[in-house]
Protein backbone atom coordinates (compact mmCIF):
# COMPACT_ATOMS: atom_id res chain seq x y z
CA MET A 1 0.00 0.00 0.00
CA ASN A 2 2.85 2.34 0.83
CA SER A 3 4.42 2.25 -2.63
CA ALA A 4 1.06 2.80 -4.37
CA LEU A 5 0.24 5.75 -2.11
CA GLN A 6 3.66 7.30 -2.68
CA CYS A 7 3.05 7.11 -6.43
CA ILE A 8 -0.35 8.78 -6.37
CA VAL A 9 0.60 11.40 -3.77
CA HIS A 10 3.44 12.51 -6.02
CA CYS A 11 0.95 13.35 -8.75
CA GLU A 12 1.24 17.02 -7.80
CA ARG A 13 -1.85 18.39 -9.52
CA LEU A 14 -4.07 15.72 -7.95
CA THR A 15 -2.58 16.30 -4.51
CA GLU A 16 -3.11 20.06 -4.83
CA TYR A 17 -6.73 19.42 -5.90
CA PHE A 18 -7.27 17.64 -2.58
CA ARG A 19 -5.16 20.01 -0.49
CA LYS A 20 -7.16 23.00 -1.75
CA GLU A 21 -10.37 21.05 -1.05
CA LEU A 22 -11.57 21.42 -4.65
CA TYR A 23 -12.89 17.85 -4.46
CA LYS A 24 -15.82 19.02 -2.29
CA VAL A 25 -17.55 20.54 -5.33
CA ASP A 26 -17.25 17.30 -7.30
CA LEU A 27 -18.33 14.75 -4.66
CA ASN A 28 -20.86 12.43 -6.28
CA LYS A 29 -22.81 10.79 -3.48
CA THR A 30 -25.38 9.18 -5.82
CA ASN A 31 -23.13 7.30 -8.25
CA PRO A 32 -23.98 3.59 -7.87
CA LEU A 33 -20.46 2.69 -9.06
CA GLY A 34 -18.85 4.76 -6.30
CA MET A 35 -18.87 4.78 -2.52
CA GLY A 36 -21.11 7.78 -1.95
CA GLY A 37 -18.00 9.93 -1.70
CA ARG A 38 -16.48 7.97 1.22
CA LEU A 39 -13.38 6.77 -0.64
CA ALA A 40 -12.59 10.27 -1.93
CA LEU A 41 -13.17 11.70 1.55
CA SER A 42 -10.85 9.08 3.09
CA TYR A 43 -8.18 9.94 0.54
CA ALA A 44 -8.68 13.65 1.26
CA ASP A 45 -8.21 12.94 4.98
CA LEU A 46 -4.96 11.11 4.23
CA ILE A 47 -3.67 14.02 2.14
CA SER A 48 -4.68 16.44 4.90
CA ASP A 49 -2.80 14.34 7.49
CA MET A 50 0.29 14.15 5.27
CA TYR A 51 0.47 17.90 4.83
CA ASP A 52 -0.50 18.76 8.41
CA GLU A 53 1.72 21.47 9.86
CA ARG A 54 2.23 19.54 13.09
CA GLY A 55 4.99 17.50 11.45
CA ARG A 56 3.89 14.00 12.37
CA GLN A 57 6.54 11.30 12.14
CA TYR A 58 4.14 8.72 10.75
CA ILE A 59 0.61 8.48 9.41
CA LYS A 60 -1.70 5.47 9.47
CA PRO A 61 -3.82 5.17 6.31
CA SER A 62 -6.29 2.88 8.11
CA GLY A 63 -9.35 4.97 7.17
CA LEU A 64 -8.39 4.79 3.50
CA LYS A 65 -7.68 1.06 3.80
CA ARG A 66 -11.17 0.44 5.28
CA ALA A 67 -12.86 2.51 2.56
CA LEU A 68 -10.85 0.74 -0.15
CA ALA A 69 -11.79 -2.67 1.29
CA GLU A 70 -15.44 -1.61 1.27
CA PHE A 71 -15.13 -0.50 -2.37
CA ASN A 72 -13.34 -3.73 -3.36
CA PRO A 73 -13.50 -6.67 -0.91
CA GLU A 74 -10.31 -8.07 -2.47
CA PHE A 75 -8.44 -5.58 -0.27
CA ARG A 76 -9.91 -6.78 3.02
CA GLY A 77 -7.52 -8.20 5.56
CA PHE A 78 -3.79 -7.90 5.62
CA HIS A 79 -2.74 -10.17 2.78
CA GLN A 80 -0.12 -8.93 0.33
CA LYS A 81 -1.62 -7.34 -2.77
CA ASP A 82 -0.03 -6.06 -5.95
CA SER A 83 0.69 -2.31 -5.82
CA LEU A 84 -0.56 -1.77 -9.35
CA ASP A 85 -3.88 -3.47 -8.52
CA LEU A 86 -4.27 -1.33 -5.42
CA LEU A 87 -3.41 1.85 -7.33
CA ALA A 88 -5.83 1.01 -10.16
CA CYS A 89 -8.61 0.25 -7.65
CA LEU A 90 -7.94 3.44 -5.70
CA ILE A 91 -7.91 5.59 -8.84
CA SER A 92 -11.11 3.95 -10.11
CA GLY A 93 -12.89 4.45 -6.79
CA ILE A 94 -11.82 8.08 -6.44
CA HIS A 95 -12.92 8.68 -10.03
CA GLU A 96 -16.39 7.26 -9.38
CA ASP A 97 -16.73 9.23 -6.12
CA LEU A 98 -15.82 12.44 -7.98
CA ASN A 99 -17.51 11.77 -11.32
CA ARG A 100 -19.26 14.97 -12.37
CA ILE A 101 -21.70 12.99 -14.53
CA LYS A 102 -24.78 12.33 -12.41
CA GLN A 103 -26.82 10.49 -15.09
CA LYS A 104 -24.64 8.40 -17.38
CA PRO A 105 -26.15 8.18 -20.86
CA TYR A 106 -25.86 5.05 -22.98
CA VAL A 107 -22.99 5.56 -25.40
CA GLU A 108 -22.36 3.07 -28.16
CA ARG A 109 -18.76 2.36 -29.01
CA ASP A 110 -17.97 3.30 -32.58
CA LEU A 111 -15.65 1.66 -35.05
CA SER A 112 -14.38 4.27 -37.48
CA PHE A 113 -13.63 3.11 -41.03
CA GLY A 114 -12.27 4.87 -44.07
CA ASP A 115 -10.28 4.42 -47.24
CA ASN A 116 -6.79 5.68 -46.44
CA PRO A 117 -7.89 8.21 -43.77
CA THR A 118 -5.82 11.34 -43.34
CA GLN A 119 -4.16 12.29 -40.06
CA GLU A 120 -6.83 14.97 -39.60
CA GLN A 121 -9.59 12.38 -40.05
CA LEU A 122 -7.95 10.06 -37.50
CA GLN A 123 -7.65 12.97 -35.07
CA SER A 124 -11.32 13.81 -35.62
CA TRP A 125 -12.30 10.20 -34.87
CA GLY A 126 -10.14 10.35 -31.75
CA ARG A 127 -11.83 13.56 -30.56
CA GLU A 128 -15.26 11.98 -31.11
CA ALA A 129 -14.23 8.89 -29.09
CA TRP A 130 -12.87 11.09 -26.28
CA GLU A 131 -16.09 13.14 -26.22
CA ALA A 132 -18.11 9.89 -25.99
CA HIS A 133 -15.89 8.75 -23.09
CA LYS A 134 -16.36 12.10 -21.34
CA MET A 135 -20.16 11.79 -21.63
CA ARG A 136 -19.95 9.08 -18.94
CA ASN A 137 -16.65 9.86 -17.22
CA ASP A 138 -15.75 13.37 -16.14
CA SER A 139 -13.62 13.76 -13.03
CA VAL A 140 -10.27 15.12 -11.95
CA ILE A 141 -8.96 11.57 -12.45
CA VAL A 142 -10.05 11.66 -16.10
CA ASP A 143 -8.61 15.16 -16.47
CA LEU A 144 -5.20 14.12 -15.15
CA LEU A 145 -4.79 10.37 -15.58
CA HIS A 146 -6.90 9.08 -18.48
CA GLY A 147 -5.92 8.85 -22.11
CA MET A 148 -6.80 6.91 -25.25
CA PHE A 149 -5.10 4.18 -27.20
CA LYS A 150 -5.61 4.24 -30.95
CA SER A 151 -5.64 0.85 -32.68
CA THR A 152 -5.79 0.62 -36.45
CA THR A 153 -6.33 -2.39 -38.67
CA ALA A 154 -5.86 -2.36 -42.42
CA CYS A 155 -7.85 -4.68 -44.70
CA SER A 156 -5.57 -6.37 -47.23
CA VAL A 157 -8.47 -6.76 -49.70
CA CYS A 158 -10.16 -3.34 -49.81
CA ARG A 159 -7.24 -1.37 -48.28
CA GLY A 160 -9.68 0.27 -45.86
CA ILE A 161 -8.52 1.20 -42.38
CA ALA A 162 -10.56 0.60 -39.24
CA ALA A 163 -9.70 2.53 -36.10
CA THR A 164 -10.82 2.04 -32.51
CA PHE A 165 -10.06 4.27 -29.56
CA ASP A 166 -9.92 2.74 -26.09
CA PRO A 167 -9.66 4.74 -22.87
CA PHE A 168 -7.01 3.84 -20.30
CA SER A 169 -6.06 5.02 -16.84
CA ASP A 170 -2.90 3.01 -16.39
CA ILE A 171 -0.36 1.43 -18.65
CA THR A 172 1.45 -1.73 -17.72
CA ILE A 173 4.80 -2.32 -19.33
CA PRO A 174 6.42 -5.74 -19.09
CA LEU A 175 10.02 -5.66 -17.96
CA PRO A 176 12.44 -7.67 -20.09
CA LEU A 177 13.81 -10.15 -17.57
CA HIS A 178 16.72 -11.28 -19.72
CA LYS A 179 18.17 -7.75 -19.63
CA MET A 180 17.69 -7.31 -15.90
CA TYR A 181 19.75 -10.27 -14.69
CA ILE A 182 23.17 -9.21 -13.44
CA PRO A 183 25.49 -12.10 -12.65
CA ASN A 184 27.48 -12.02 -9.44
CA THR A 185 30.84 -10.49 -10.32
CA ILE A 186 32.24 -10.09 -6.82
CA GLN A 187 35.14 -12.41 -6.08
CA SER A 188 36.26 -13.30 -2.62
CA SER A 189 39.95 -13.54 -1.82
């Protein structure tokens, strides 16, 4: 939990958003996908404790841990969990607690297709996909931490190009293990 919290706390613009209490305007207590604002409030309390002028030597994130376990029961107890899973769950929960969209409309995912589309056409399709994403997801998390992947597929028969745009909030990158191994080069005398 510590490593995941250190990562998200060092997202300066997000931390300032909570320190300046801007989150209070965005609390969405009616979102059925969220926690009625409790996870965002627990995170805000943690940020407040971390930047308290009293100079505490340590801070217990137990309130945040309880709220996170309520949001996702996988985080109940004291078993080891993957930092990336915890971070993704925390970001998702904070997003839902702060989602500015109160009534999410149904948005159909589009597949864009064209014969040799120009860069401007691809950018236009990307903007349309982002606008569709924002019709259901609009929070400080989306503003700061979401993006879109563009995937294109070319048909070898008609030479048409299909493009899809998928939102993401984290990117996992596999580490090449064969390049990370360093043999022991220390010799004893």
